[in-house]
Each structure stands twice: as structure tokens, then as C-alpha cells.
Amino acid sequence: MAGTTHTVTNQAPPLVQYDVFGADRALVEAVERHLAADVLDEGLTELSGLGRTVGSAQVQEWGAQANENPPRLRTHDRYGHRIDEVDFHPSWHRLLGKGVSAGLTGAWGRPGGHVRRAAAFLMWTQAEAGNGCPLSMTHAAVPALRTEPALAAEWEPRLASTIYDRALRPPGQKPGALFGMGMTEKQGGSDVRANTTAARPLAEDGAYELTGHKWFCSAPMSDAFLVLARAPGGLTCFLVPRVLADGTRNVFLIQRLKDKLGNRSNASAEVEFAGTWARRVGEEGSGVRTIIGMVAATRLDCVLGSAGLMRQAVAQAVHHCTYREAFGGKLVDKPLMRNVLADLALESEAATTLALRLAAAYDDGGERERALLRIAVPAAKYWVTKRCAPLAVEAAECLGGNGYVEDSGMPRLVRESPLNSVWEGAGNVQALDVLRALRREPEALDAYLREVGRARGADHRLDAAVKDLLTELADLEGVEGRARRLVERLALVLQGSLLVRYAPPEVSDAFCAGRLGGDAGASFGTLPHTLDLASVVERARPVS
């Protein structure tokens, strides 16, 4: 009898049917640290339930299906009528419905809402990052709408709703609504002051007619959009509904969908406005000031999204190496692989800890916390999102050739990993924003230094890094050319301060040695071998 040649051995089982929240020690501890006692039990129960949903075979399958079946644009119906609709795979709608029902658009009006939503968003990204876009846009629209109390009263309950209604119909007839954004144009990109879309006032108070083109419009099947256009008084923010109150379609011409590197399940569009009805949000000429709260909220979601992708990549790598054997033992027990895994785990935990701290600052709402966010959000957005891509690539390499194959799920993480660094302003934009805060808002730097100062004396490498940072901050002459270095150090010192205060000693020790003490190489897996790396890896293992 011929022997079989297809017996499968030495393969890791799928990482499925587990509590994504409970398995993430750093995330659980951050929630316990930042949620008030009176909502903690409720929050933990809620997040654990969502964690089991994210880790379920059903939701993981939906994520794969949504990614494999990207949206399709239909500009006209069968009769030749212009409809400008985007068709999504059913799994997209299932995921989006779950995200809405989990409260991912409703942080602003409940106790501990930002911490609870941040933890949930970080997890939900791990199911499929694409549908995070409409969830993020909807959440972030609230600060802009609140500049017009009447608009906020009308729209905010719909945005905070836990009911997903995909139908295109008048907003007043819907139990819940989603928002998209249309800010950038092809000639300006992040320089929104170069926008040329024109807004002509109509007879109705606050109503305008828009004419122009948007190079990137997020979530084009949303119920309404925040858009920048040039009114007689200058650059202004507008609300553009997809369907008007009388049931007719607003003029919203989708020219094409972007063919993107990753984020394949989500639609990003180029759109034209040609006599499009819009409602002014804020005063004429105050467009940038009106959207600044929206921008900060979406930047924090970039940090959360990258932290979620990092966590999933690390979880998959550690899980694989826990089961896979090579050269006479488990991969996870090999000193060199342990060094790589520990280094990846440090990056992931530092990102999670920083992201949840910023969410807690939103919940606090105090003057000092708001000042801290002014520097910490763009610094975190710069650094965490930039670390996501190299981490995802290294984590995929931990699976060897298996990590290069679509079935592993790692290529999807790799393709997704650069997105958040580009979205809501690329690295240079974030660095320049930090410089602007340093120059114009001394209270922001004061709040930052108070925050990192809470760990003073706990680790000599952190103390030395703070001292070096102060030296750099004392000389802002010609700073733009070294802005990236400065912002990187701001982020690393803040992460180090948080880990020294809150993480286990083996984690903070390794972070300070490898990130602040200069005792590591340029790639992952070059930490000092004398550290307790086994404990760092075990902490990152996805077991709940």
C-alpha cells in the first residue's frame, strides 16, 4: 500500500473563537485604569461581549469576504437614470451593522464613552479595518456639528444611534445615520486652504449651492457629509445630505472609486458637486476652525486603528510561534525568535497604552487634558501609525512563507498597515502641527511635561530622555528640518512614561532599554538579550 504524503502536522490551529478583549492584557488593564468605578463593570462586560464577537469564526469570515469582494460603483440604473450608488458585499453591511450596534459612533454622550469606544474600535479594526472609516467619520462629525446647536440637536441622536439603516432616504425618516467627509481636492490635498469648490448662498437662511470636485470623499454611501467649500466670506464647512427632505436625491455625482493598496472593503470616491444643496456649519470663513475637532477625533482613530492592526499582527505571530516547531523545539522558545516577538509586543503595548490614555483625556474634558491632546494627538498619530507597517511586515515574517499567503490573513494586515499614516494628514502634516502647538500654545507643552513628569525618577533612561528632549525644545531655531526627530522623541518619551507607570517591570524595562536607552538595533529583534523577554512574549500571547 502506498504511503500517504498529505498528513498535515506542525501547523498552528486557527486563532479563532476567543475573546479578543480578554486576551489583550494591555487593553484590559488600560480600560480598568481609565474607566470610573461606577461604569467599570458595565464597560468590561460590554467589551468582553464585543471581544467574543470579533474573535468568532462568523465575524472573521465576514471580514475576509468583505475584503475579497470590494465595492462596485453604479452610476446609472437600467433605464439610464443617474443614481450614483455603491454596492457592497452583504458581509460589509453585517460588519457595519455590528459596529454601529456596538456603539462605535456614540462616544460623546455617555460616561466613559471615549475609553469604551476606543477599546471597542481598537478591537473592531481587527475584524476588518475597512468599515472603520464610516464609523470613525460618523463619530468625528459631532464636534463640528456642535458649532451649530440646531444642527447638533437634529443630527446627533441619529449619529449616536445603535441602529444601522442602509437605505438612501430622507434623514428624518431614519432611526440612525452615518456621516462621510469631503475635504481634500486634487490641487491641494492636505492643504485644504487651496480648495476651489464654490459655495453660492441661496435665499433660504444658511443654505448654499455647491459647485466643485473632491478628490477624496470618504464613505460615499453615507447619509450626509461634511464638506469644505469657498463661500463669499472664505473657506467654510457645510453639511451635504445625500437625500433631501422632500425625498429627492441631492446632486452627488460619483466619478469613480479609488483603487487602493489596502482598505479594499471600503469605498473611497471622487465626487462632483454641480448645484448641490448644502447647509452651512459654523460661520463663513471659519471652515478650518469648525472642522478642527473632527480632525483631532479622526487622528485619534488613526492611532487606535494602527494599534488594533499591531495587536492582531502580534497575536497571530505569537500564536503561530507557540505551536510551530523548528530546529528541535517550539519557535517561541528560540532565543532569537523570542527577541523578535518581544520587540513586536513592546511596540503593540506602547501603542495601545498611549491610545487609551488619549481617549481618557477626551472623557476628562478638563483644560489641562485638552491642552495635552493638542500635542499628544498629532505626535501619537505621527509615530504610532508609522510603526504599524514595519511591525506588520515583521510579524508576517514570523510565519515564514505561510505569512506571505493570503489564507493566513497577514497580507491583508500588511496592505492595511500604511493607511493610517496617510489618512487625516501624512507624517509631515502631523509634525508641523506639533510645531504649531509648541509655538502658539505654551499650555500644551506644559501639560505634556506634567504628564511625562509623573514618572520622574522611576527609570534613569527615561529621565535622561526627558532631559535630552528639553534640550531640543530649548532650541527651536530652524526646527522644521528636524521636526520629525523631535516629534518622534515626544511620542517615545510619552509612551515610556506611561509604561514605566502602568506596565509590568519587564515591559517597561525592555521598552526603556530598546527605545530610550539606545541599547537596540534598527530592526525588530535587536533588544538586549539580558532582558526578561520570555515574560514580555507570554504577556502578549492571545489566551483568555
Protein backbone atom coordinates (compact mmCIF):
# COMPACT_ATOMS: atom_id res chain seq x y z
CA MET A 1 0.00 0.00 0.00
CA ALA A 2 1.36 3.38 -0.95
CA GLY A 3 2.08 5.64 2.00
CA THR A 4 0.15 8.86 2.39
CA THR A 5 2.01 12.07 1.57
CA HIS A 6 -0.54 14.59 2.77
CA THR A 7 -0.71 14.20 6.50
CA VAL A 8 -0.65 17.74 7.91
CA THR A 9 1.49 18.23 11.00
CA ASN A 10 3.34 21.03 12.77
CA GLN A 11 0.79 23.71 11.90
CA ALA A 12 -0.74 26.20 14.31
CA PRO A 13 -4.51 25.93 14.74
CA PRO A 14 -6.57 28.93 13.59
CA LEU A 15 -6.72 31.77 16.09
CA VAL A 16 -10.50 31.80 16.34
CA GLN A 17 -13.38 31.52 18.82
CA TYR A 18 -11.67 33.56 21.52
CA ASP A 19 -12.27 36.79 23.43
CA VAL A 20 -10.15 39.39 21.65
CA PHE A 21 -10.61 41.76 24.59
CA GLY A 22 -9.85 39.36 27.41
CA ALA A 23 -6.82 38.04 25.52
CA ASP A 24 -5.29 41.52 25.31
CA ARG A 25 -3.83 42.19 28.76
CA ALA A 26 -2.60 45.68 27.93
CA LEU A 27 -6.03 46.70 26.66
CA VAL A 28 -7.91 45.25 29.63
CA GLU A 29 -5.59 46.99 32.08
CA ALA A 30 -5.94 50.31 30.27
CA VAL A 31 -9.73 50.12 30.43
CA GLU A 32 -9.61 49.20 34.12
CA ARG A 33 -7.24 52.11 34.73
CA HIS A 34 -9.24 54.78 32.93
CA LEU A 35 -12.89 53.87 33.44
CA ALA A 36 -14.62 55.22 36.54
CA ALA A 37 -15.67 52.65 39.12
CA ASP A 38 -19.37 53.23 38.59
CA VAL A 39 -19.21 52.20 34.90
CA LEU A 40 -16.29 49.77 35.00
CA ASP A 41 -18.25 46.52 35.39
CA GLU A 42 -20.67 47.54 32.68
CA GLY A 43 -17.81 48.53 30.39
CA LEU A 44 -15.87 45.31 30.93
CA THR A 45 -18.95 43.19 30.28
CA GLU A 46 -19.76 45.15 27.13
CA LEU A 47 -16.19 44.93 25.81
CA SER A 48 -15.82 41.26 26.60
CA GLY A 49 -19.01 40.56 24.66
CA LEU A 50 -17.68 42.50 21.69
CA GLY A 51 -14.33 40.73 22.05
CA ARG A 52 -16.02 37.36 21.66
CA THR A 53 -17.87 38.70 18.63
CA VAL A 54 -14.65 39.91 16.99
CA GLY A 55 -12.93 36.60 17.70
CA SER A 56 -15.79 34.48 16.39
CA ALA A 57 -15.47 32.41 13.23
CA GLN A 58 -18.55 34.16 11.82
CA VAL A 59 -17.17 37.70 12.07
CA GLN A 60 -13.73 36.66 10.88
CA GLU A 61 -15.35 35.12 7.82
CA TRP A 62 -17.35 38.30 7.20
CA GLY A 63 -14.13 40.31 7.34
CA ALA A 64 -12.46 38.07 4.78
CA GLN A 65 -15.48 38.16 2.48
CA ALA A 66 -15.81 41.96 2.65
CA ASN A 67 -12.14 42.32 1.81
CA GLU A 68 -12.28 39.83 -1.07
CA ASN A 69 -15.39 41.43 -2.61
CA PRO A 70 -14.69 45.17 -2.91
CA PRO A 71 -17.48 47.70 -3.54
CA ARG A 72 -18.72 48.45 -7.04
CA LEU A 73 -19.89 51.80 -8.40
CA ARG A 74 -23.21 52.05 -10.25
CA THR A 75 -23.57 55.49 -11.80
CA HIS A 76 -26.86 54.71 -13.65
CA ASP A 77 -29.78 52.35 -13.29
CA ARG A 78 -31.02 50.05 -16.07
CA TYR A 79 -33.15 52.83 -17.54
CA GLY A 80 -30.35 55.39 -17.78
CA HIS A 81 -31.22 57.41 -14.68
CA ARG A 82 -28.22 58.75 -12.76
CA ILE A 83 -28.22 57.09 -9.31
CA ASP A 84 -24.57 57.25 -8.12
CA GLU A 85 -24.75 54.30 -5.75
CA VAL A 86 -22.11 51.96 -4.41
CA ASP A 87 -22.89 48.27 -3.96
CA PHE A 88 -21.23 46.40 -1.10
CA HIS A 89 -20.98 42.72 -0.32
CA PRO A 90 -23.55 41.59 2.29
CA SER A 91 -20.71 40.93 4.74
CA TRP A 92 -19.83 44.63 4.67
CA HIS A 93 -23.33 45.53 5.83
CA ARG A 94 -23.26 42.83 8.51
CA LEU A 95 -19.99 44.18 9.87
CA LEU A 96 -21.12 47.79 9.72
CA GLY A 97 -24.36 46.90 11.46
CA LYS A 98 -22.44 45.17 14.25
CA GLY A 99 -20.11 48.16 14.61
CA VAL A 100 -23.00 50.61 14.88
CA SER A 101 -24.86 48.42 17.36
CA ALA A 102 -21.67 48.20 19.47
CA GLY A 103 -21.75 51.97 19.98
CA LEU A 104 -18.78 52.85 17.78
CA THR A 105 -20.48 56.06 16.68
CA GLY A 106 -21.78 57.09 20.10
CA ALA A 107 -18.96 58.13 22.43
CA TRP A 108 -19.83 61.75 23.15
CA GLY A 109 -22.86 61.41 25.35
CA ARG A 110 -22.24 58.57 27.82
CA PRO A 111 -19.99 58.16 30.89
CA GLY A 112 -16.55 56.92 29.94
CA GLY A 113 -17.74 56.93 26.37
CA HIS A 114 -14.41 57.66 24.72
CA VAL A 115 -12.45 55.00 26.60
CA ARG A 116 -15.15 52.41 25.98
CA ARG A 117 -15.41 53.31 22.32
CA ALA A 118 -11.62 53.45 21.91
CA ALA A 119 -11.21 49.92 23.25
CA ALA A 120 -14.06 48.72 21.06
CA PHE A 121 -12.72 50.47 17.95
CA LEU A 122 -9.25 49.01 18.54
CA MET A 123 -10.80 45.55 18.61
CA TRP A 124 -13.21 46.08 15.74
CA THR A 125 -10.32 47.09 13.46
CA GLN A 126 -9.02 43.57 13.91
CA ALA A 127 -12.15 42.09 12.32
CA GLU A 128 -11.88 44.22 9.17
CA ALA A 129 -10.38 47.68 9.13
CA GLY A 130 -12.33 48.97 6.13
CA ASN A 131 -15.64 49.53 7.85
CA GLY A 132 -13.88 51.58 10.49
CA CYS A 133 -13.97 54.53 8.06
CA PRO A 134 -17.72 55.32 8.19
CA LEU A 135 -17.77 54.52 11.91
CA SER A 136 -14.91 56.96 12.51
CA MET A 137 -16.32 59.69 10.28
CA THR A 138 -19.70 59.50 11.98
CA HIS A 139 -18.17 59.65 15.45
CA ALA A 140 -15.89 62.54 14.49
CA ALA A 141 -18.62 64.67 12.90
CA VAL A 142 -20.13 65.52 16.30
CA PRO A 143 -17.66 68.28 17.37
CA ALA A 144 -18.17 70.10 14.06
CA LEU A 145 -21.95 69.84 14.26
CA ARG A 146 -21.91 71.23 17.81
CA THR A 147 -20.72 74.55 16.47
CA GLU A 148 -24.34 74.87 15.25
CA PRO A 149 -26.59 73.83 18.19
CA ALA A 150 -29.65 73.45 15.96
CA LEU A 151 -27.80 71.11 13.63
CA ALA A 152 -26.40 69.13 16.54
CA ALA A 153 -29.86 68.73 18.06
CA GLU A 154 -31.17 67.44 14.74
CA TRP A 155 -28.34 65.11 13.77
CA GLU A 156 -26.51 63.96 16.88
CA PRO A 157 -29.19 61.50 18.06
CA ARG A 158 -29.09 59.85 14.64
CA LEU A 159 -25.30 59.61 14.68
CA ALA A 160 -25.25 58.13 18.19
CA SER A 161 -27.96 55.60 17.31
CA THR A 162 -27.18 51.89 17.57
CA ILE A 163 -29.43 51.14 14.57
CA TYR A 164 -27.85 50.73 11.14
CA ASP A 165 -30.21 51.71 8.32
CA ARG A 166 -28.53 51.36 4.91
CA ALA A 167 -31.42 52.80 2.88
CA LEU A 168 -31.00 56.08 0.99
CA ARG A 169 -33.96 58.13 2.19
CA PRO A 170 -34.61 61.43 3.97
CA PRO A 171 -32.67 61.56 7.26
CA GLY A 172 -35.81 62.48 9.18
CA GLN A 173 -37.27 59.08 8.28
CA LYS A 174 -34.26 57.09 9.52
CA PRO A 175 -33.57 55.79 13.04
CA GLY A 176 -29.83 56.14 12.54
CA ALA A 177 -27.46 57.88 10.15
CA LEU A 178 -23.83 57.77 9.04
CA PHE A 179 -21.53 60.61 8.01
CA GLY A 180 -18.76 60.86 5.46
CA MET A 181 -16.23 63.59 4.71
CA GLY A 182 -15.20 65.51 1.60
CA MET A 183 -12.33 67.86 2.39
CA THR A 184 -9.41 67.39 0.00
CA GLU A 185 -9.11 68.37 -3.63
CA LYS A 186 -6.63 67.26 -6.27
CA GLN A 187 -4.74 70.55 -6.41
CA GLY A 188 -4.29 70.84 -2.64
CA GLY A 189 -4.51 67.54 -0.78
CA SER A 190 -3.82 68.24 2.90
CA ASP A 191 -3.58 71.96 2.10
CA VAL A 192 -7.33 72.47 2.32
CA ARG A 193 -6.92 76.24 2.07
CA ALA A 194 -6.20 75.62 -1.63
CA ASN A 195 -9.75 74.31 -2.13
CA THR A 196 -11.66 75.82 -5.03
CA THR A 197 -15.12 74.27 -4.58
CA ALA A 198 -17.50 77.24 -4.62
CA ALA A 199 -20.49 77.86 -2.33
CA ARG A 200 -23.20 80.28 -3.51
CA PRO A 201 -25.71 81.50 -0.90
CA LEU A 202 -29.38 80.71 -1.54
CA ALA A 203 -32.45 82.57 -0.38
CA GLU A 204 -33.04 80.17 2.50
CA ASP A 205 -31.04 81.17 5.59
CA GLY A 206 -27.91 79.02 5.94
CA ALA A 207 -28.48 77.23 2.62
CA TYR A 208 -25.94 77.23 -0.23
CA GLU A 209 -25.36 75.70 -3.64
CA LEU A 210 -22.01 73.94 -4.16
CA THR A 211 -20.04 73.54 -7.36
CA GLY A 212 -16.73 71.69 -7.41
CA HIS A 213 -14.81 68.46 -7.12
CA LYS A 214 -13.50 66.42 -4.20
CA TRP A 215 -10.51 64.19 -4.84
CA PHE A 216 -11.16 62.01 -1.78
CA CYS A 217 -14.63 61.54 -0.35
CA SER A 218 -14.89 59.04 2.47
CA ALA A 219 -17.80 56.60 2.74
CA PRO A 220 -19.82 57.83 -0.28
CA MET A 221 -22.97 55.90 0.68
CA SER A 222 -23.34 57.84 3.94
CA ASP A 223 -26.45 59.88 4.75
CA ALA A 224 -24.60 63.19 4.92
CA PHE A 225 -21.13 64.66 4.50
CA LEU A 226 -19.06 67.43 5.99
CA VAL A 227 -17.52 69.37 3.13
CA LEU A 228 -15.22 72.37 2.82
CA ALA A 229 -16.05 74.97 0.16
CA ARG A 230 -15.26 78.60 -0.54
CA ALA A 231 -18.18 80.92 0.34
CA PRO A 232 -18.14 84.69 -0.19
CA GLY A 233 -16.69 85.05 3.33
CA GLY A 234 -13.95 82.47 2.84
CA LEU A 235 -13.40 78.75 3.39
CA THR A 236 -16.45 77.35 5.16
CA CYS A 237 -17.75 74.00 6.43
CA PHE A 238 -21.01 72.63 5.00
CA LEU A 239 -23.33 69.71 5.64
CA VAL A 240 -24.32 67.96 2.40
CA PRO A 241 -27.20 65.48 2.75
CA ARG A 242 -27.35 62.56 0.32
CA VAL A 243 -31.15 62.75 0.17
CA LEU A 244 -33.12 65.97 0.61
CA ALA A 245 -36.05 66.42 2.97
CA ASP A 246 -38.58 66.02 0.14
CA GLY A 247 -37.13 62.62 -0.80
CA THR A 248 -35.23 63.70 -3.92
CA ARG A 249 -31.59 62.83 -4.37
CA ASN A 250 -29.13 65.63 -3.82
CA VAL A 251 -26.66 66.24 -6.67
CA PHE A 252 -23.81 63.98 -5.64
CA LEU A 253 -22.00 62.69 -8.71
CA ILE A 254 -19.60 59.82 -8.00
CA GLN A 255 -16.98 59.89 -10.75
CA ARG A 256 -15.03 56.79 -9.70
CA LEU A 257 -13.92 54.71 -6.74
CA LYS A 258 -10.26 54.70 -5.76
CA ASP A 259 -8.30 51.51 -6.48
CA LYS A 260 -6.38 51.34 -3.19
CA LEU A 261 -3.43 49.37 -1.89
CA GLY A 262 -5.42 48.13 1.09
CA ASN A 263 -8.68 49.04 2.81
CA ARG A 264 -10.30 47.20 -0.07
CA SER A 265 -13.70 46.64 1.53
CA ASN A 266 -14.26 50.38 1.96
CA ALA A 267 -15.27 52.77 -0.80
CA SER A 268 -13.30 55.98 -1.27
CA ALA A 269 -14.61 58.15 -4.08
CA GLU A 270 -14.05 61.15 -6.28
CA VAL A 271 -17.24 63.21 -6.35
CA GLU A 272 -18.57 66.23 -8.20
CA PHE A 273 -20.94 68.88 -6.88
CA ALA A 274 -22.98 70.66 -9.54
CA GLY A 275 -25.73 72.71 -7.95
CA THR A 276 -25.58 70.59 -4.80
CA TRP A 277 -27.67 71.78 -1.85
CA ALA A 278 -25.74 72.31 1.39
CA ARG A 279 -26.28 73.72 4.86
CA ARG A 280 -23.61 75.95 6.40
CA VAL A 281 -21.91 74.67 9.58
CA GLY A 282 -20.34 77.50 11.54
CA GLU A 283 -19.66 80.98 10.28
CA GLU A 284 -18.45 81.82 6.80
CA GLY A 285 -14.68 81.83 6.68
CA SER A 286 -14.30 79.64 9.78
CA GLY A 287 -14.17 76.30 7.96
CA VAL A 288 -10.82 75.13 9.31
CA ARG A 289 -11.71 76.18 12.85
CA THR A 290 -15.05 74.35 12.55
CA ILE A 291 -13.51 71.03 11.48
CA ILE A 292 -10.54 71.06 13.86
CA GLY A 293 -12.38 68.93 16.45
CA MET A 294 -13.34 66.47 13.73
CA VAL A 295 -9.73 66.27 12.56
CA ALA A 296 -8.45 65.56 16.09
CA ALA A 297 -11.04 62.81 16.63
CA THR A 298 -10.22 61.07 13.37
CA ARG A 299 -6.50 61.34 14.08
CA LEU A 300 -7.04 59.54 17.37
CA ASP A 301 -8.94 56.87 15.44
CA CYS A 302 -5.88 56.54 13.19
CA VAL A 303 -3.85 55.78 16.31
CA LEU A 304 -6.47 53.31 17.54
CA GLY A 305 -6.75 51.66 14.14
CA SER A 306 -2.99 51.19 13.89
CA ALA A 307 -2.84 49.91 17.47
CA GLY A 308 -5.54 47.38 16.56
CA LEU A 309 -3.69 46.20 13.47
CA MET A 310 -0.48 45.92 15.51
CA ARG A 311 -2.22 43.88 18.17
CA GLN A 312 -3.71 41.47 15.65
CA ALA A 313 -0.37 41.06 13.86
CA VAL A 314 1.42 40.36 17.15
CA ALA A 315 -1.30 37.99 18.33
CA GLN A 316 -1.04 35.99 15.10
CA ALA A 317 2.76 35.88 15.24
CA VAL A 318 2.94 34.80 18.89
CA HIS A 319 0.14 32.26 18.37
CA HIS A 320 1.92 30.73 15.37
CA CYS A 321 5.27 30.53 17.13
CA THR A 322 3.69 28.97 20.22
CA TYR A 323 2.65 25.93 18.16
CA ARG A 324 5.19 25.78 15.35
CA GLU A 325 8.28 23.62 15.89
CA ALA A 326 11.62 24.07 14.17
CA PHE A 327 15.20 23.02 14.86
CA GLY A 328 14.20 20.76 17.73
CA GLY A 329 11.75 22.91 19.68
CA LYS A 330 8.94 25.43 19.70
CA LEU A 331 9.72 28.62 17.80
CA VAL A 332 8.56 30.73 20.73
CA ASP A 333 11.29 29.20 22.89
CA LYS A 334 14.12 30.00 20.47
CA PRO A 335 16.10 32.98 21.86
CA LEU A 336 16.26 34.86 18.57
CA MET A 337 12.58 34.44 17.73
CA ARG A 338 11.70 35.35 21.33
CA ASN A 339 13.63 38.59 20.87
CA VAL A 340 11.66 39.42 17.72
CA LEU A 341 8.30 38.61 19.31
CA ALA A 342 9.11 40.58 22.45
CA ASP A 343 10.15 43.61 20.42
CA LEU A 344 6.90 43.46 18.43
CA ALA A 345 4.91 43.04 21.63
CA LEU A 346 6.54 46.14 23.16
CA GLU A 347 5.55 48.23 20.15
CA SER A 348 1.99 46.98 20.30
CA GLU A 349 1.57 47.53 24.03
CA ALA A 350 3.07 51.02 23.87
CA ALA A 351 0.63 51.95 21.09
CA THR A 352 -2.38 50.60 22.98
CA THR A 353 -1.40 52.26 26.25
CA LEU A 354 -0.88 55.63 24.59
CA ALA A 355 -4.11 55.45 22.57
CA LEU A 356 -6.27 54.67 25.61
CA ARG A 357 -4.60 57.45 27.61
CA LEU A 358 -5.60 59.94 24.93
CA ALA A 359 -9.16 58.61 24.90
CA ALA A 360 -9.28 59.11 28.66
CA ALA A 361 -8.23 62.73 28.16
CA TYR A 362 -11.30 63.21 25.98
CA ASP A 363 -13.52 61.79 28.72
CA ASP A 364 -11.93 64.04 31.34
CA GLY A 365 -12.53 67.15 29.24
CA GLY A 366 -10.57 69.43 31.59
CA GLU A 367 -8.49 72.34 30.37
CA ARG A 368 -5.17 70.63 31.04
CA GLU A 369 -6.26 67.43 29.34
CA ARG A 370 -7.41 69.37 26.28
CA ALA A 371 -4.03 71.09 26.20
CA LEU A 372 -2.27 67.72 26.39
CA LEU A 373 -4.27 66.45 23.42
CA ARG A 374 -3.13 69.39 21.32
CA ILE A 375 0.42 68.00 21.23
CA ALA A 376 -0.11 64.34 22.08
CA VAL A 377 -2.67 63.51 19.37
CA PRO A 378 -0.61 64.61 16.34
CA ALA A 379 2.57 63.22 17.93
CA ALA A 380 0.90 59.86 18.55
CA LYS A 381 -0.67 59.91 15.11
CA TYR A 382 2.74 60.54 13.58
CA TRP A 383 4.62 57.85 15.49
CA VAL A 384 2.17 55.01 16.08
CA THR A 385 0.88 54.95 12.51
CA LYS A 386 4.43 54.95 11.15
CA ARG A 387 5.39 51.98 13.31
CA CYS A 388 2.45 49.92 12.08
CA ALA A 389 3.80 48.99 8.63
CA PRO A 390 7.25 47.67 9.69
CA LEU A 391 5.62 45.79 12.56
CA ALA A 392 3.07 44.13 10.26
CA VAL A 393 5.79 43.08 7.83
CA GLU A 394 7.97 41.65 10.61
CA ALA A 395 5.02 39.82 12.16
CA ALA A 396 4.19 38.25 8.79
CA GLU A 397 7.79 37.13 8.51
CA CYS A 398 7.42 35.27 11.82
CA LEU A 399 5.06 32.92 9.94
CA GLY A 400 7.67 32.36 7.23
CA GLY A 401 6.24 31.55 3.81
CA ASN A 402 2.84 30.95 5.42
CA GLY A 403 2.69 34.64 6.29
CA TYR A 404 3.05 35.59 2.62
CA VAL A 405 -0.03 33.58 1.67
CA GLU A 406 -3.46 35.20 1.67
CA ASP A 407 -5.03 32.38 3.67
CA SER A 408 -3.01 33.41 6.72
CA GLY A 409 -4.64 36.85 6.85
CA MET A 410 -1.25 38.51 7.26
CA PRO A 411 -1.08 40.04 3.75
CA ARG A 412 -4.32 41.88 4.47
CA LEU A 413 -2.75 43.38 7.61
CA VAL A 414 0.38 44.33 5.66
CA ARG A 415 -1.62 46.08 2.93
CA GLU A 416 -3.73 47.91 5.50
CA SER A 417 -0.79 48.96 7.67
CA PRO A 418 0.33 52.17 5.84
CA LEU A 419 -3.17 53.67 5.58
CA ASN A 420 -3.49 55.45 8.90
CA SER A 421 -0.18 57.20 8.36
CA VAL A 422 -1.65 58.85 5.25
CA TRP A 423 -5.25 59.40 6.38
CA GLU A 424 -6.00 62.78 8.03
CA GLY A 425 -2.62 64.21 7.16
CA ALA A 426 0.62 62.36 6.44
CA GLY A 427 3.68 62.45 8.68
CA ASN A 428 4.92 65.91 7.77
CA VAL A 429 1.50 67.41 8.40
CA GLN A 430 1.44 65.92 11.90
CA ALA A 431 4.98 67.10 12.65
CA LEU A 432 4.17 70.64 11.52
CA ASP A 433 1.00 70.62 13.62
CA VAL A 434 3.05 69.74 16.70
CA LEU A 435 5.43 72.61 15.93
CA ARG A 436 2.45 74.96 15.58
CA ALA A 437 1.22 73.95 19.03
CA LEU A 438 4.69 74.38 20.56
CA ARG A 439 4.94 77.91 19.18
CA ARG A 440 1.42 79.14 19.78
CA GLU A 441 0.14 77.25 22.81
CA PRO A 442 2.62 77.12 25.70
CA GLU A 443 -0.02 75.49 27.88
CA ALA A 444 0.13 72.44 25.59
CA LEU A 445 3.83 71.86 26.25
CA ASP A 446 3.26 72.48 29.94
CA ALA A 447 0.54 69.81 30.02
CA TYR A 448 2.79 67.38 28.14
CA LEU A 449 5.74 67.91 30.50
CA ARG A 450 3.49 67.50 33.53
CA GLU A 451 2.27 64.20 32.11
CA VAL A 452 5.70 62.71 31.44
CA GLY A 453 6.97 64.19 34.70
CA ARG A 454 4.71 61.85 36.65
CA ALA A 455 7.27 59.10 36.03
CA ARG A 456 10.27 61.16 37.10
CA GLY A 457 12.87 59.11 38.97
CA ALA A 458 11.35 55.73 38.07
CA ASP A 459 13.83 54.87 35.30
CA HIS A 460 17.17 56.53 34.61
CA ARG A 461 16.87 56.04 30.85
CA LEU A 462 13.52 57.79 30.78
CA ASP A 463 14.90 60.63 32.92
CA ALA A 464 17.82 61.01 30.50
CA ALA A 465 15.47 61.00 27.51
CA VAL A 466 13.35 63.75 29.08
CA LYS A 467 16.49 65.81 29.71
CA ASP A 468 17.60 65.41 26.08
CA LEU A 469 14.11 66.33 24.90
CA LEU A 470 14.15 69.53 26.95
CA THR A 471 17.45 70.44 25.33
CA GLU A 472 15.92 70.01 21.88
CA LEU A 473 12.86 72.02 22.86
CA ALA A 474 15.01 74.87 24.14
CA ASP A 475 16.34 75.50 20.64
CA LEU A 476 13.53 75.87 18.10
CA GLU A 477 15.72 77.74 15.60
CA GLY A 478 15.40 76.02 12.24
CA VAL A 479 13.28 73.35 13.89
CA GLU A 480 11.22 72.44 10.83
CA GLY A 481 14.07 70.50 9.28
CA ARG A 482 14.33 68.30 12.38
CA ALA A 483 10.63 68.24 13.23
CA ARG A 484 10.25 64.52 12.62
CA ARG A 485 13.04 63.69 15.05
CA LEU A 486 11.53 65.98 17.67
CA VAL A 487 8.01 64.57 17.31
CA GLU A 488 9.33 61.02 17.42
CA ARG A 489 11.05 61.78 20.71
CA LEU A 490 7.92 63.43 22.10
CA ALA A 491 5.92 60.28 21.34
CA LEU A 492 8.54 57.85 22.65
CA VAL A 493 9.04 59.74 25.89
CA LEU A 494 5.28 59.85 26.47
CA GLN A 495 5.00 56.12 25.78
CA GLY A 496 7.92 55.44 28.09
CA SER A 497 6.38 57.50 30.87
CA LEU A 498 3.09 55.61 30.59
CA LEU A 499 4.72 52.18 30.53
CA VAL A 500 7.00 52.97 33.48
CA ARG A 501 3.93 53.95 35.48
CA TYR A 502 1.50 51.26 34.39
CA ALA A 503 3.12 48.26 32.66
CA PRO A 504 4.81 45.29 34.36
CA PRO A 505 8.52 45.90 35.11
CA GLU A 506 9.71 43.53 32.38
CA VAL A 507 7.78 45.53 29.77
CA SER A 508 8.87 49.00 30.90
CA ASP A 509 12.44 47.84 31.35
CA ALA A 510 12.61 46.43 27.84
CA PHE A 511 10.94 49.50 26.34
CA CYS A 512 13.29 51.93 28.04
CA ALA A 513 16.31 49.84 27.07
CA GLY A 514 15.32 49.43 23.44
CA ARG A 515 13.53 52.71 22.69
CA LEU A 516 15.04 55.29 25.05
CA GLY A 517 18.38 53.87 26.16
CA GLY A 518 19.74 53.30 22.67
CA ASP A 519 20.55 49.68 23.52
CA ALA A 520 18.93 48.12 20.43
CA GLY A 521 19.44 47.99 16.69
CA ALA A 522 17.43 49.46 13.84
CA SER A 523 15.22 46.42 13.21
CA PHE A 524 12.87 44.40 15.40
CA GLY A 525 14.53 41.59 17.34
CA THR A 526 17.62 43.50 18.48
CA LEU A 527 16.76 44.03 22.15
CA PRO A 528 19.44 43.32 24.78
CA HIS A 529 19.44 39.57 25.42
CA THR A 530 19.70 40.09 29.18
CA LEU A 531 16.11 41.34 29.45
CA ASP A 532 13.19 39.18 30.61
CA LEU A 533 11.89 38.71 27.08
CA ALA A 534 10.04 35.47 27.80
CA SER A 535 7.67 37.29 30.16
CA VAL A 536 7.08 40.02 27.59
CA VAL A 537 6.12 37.43 24.95
CA GLU A 538 3.91 35.48 27.35
CA ARG A 539 2.03 38.66 28.22
CA ALA A 540 1.29 39.19 24.52
CA ARG A 541 0.07 35.63 23.92
CA PRO A 542 -3.61 35.67 22.88
CA VAL A 543 -5.06 33.40 25.55
CA SER A 544 -8.14 34.44 27.51
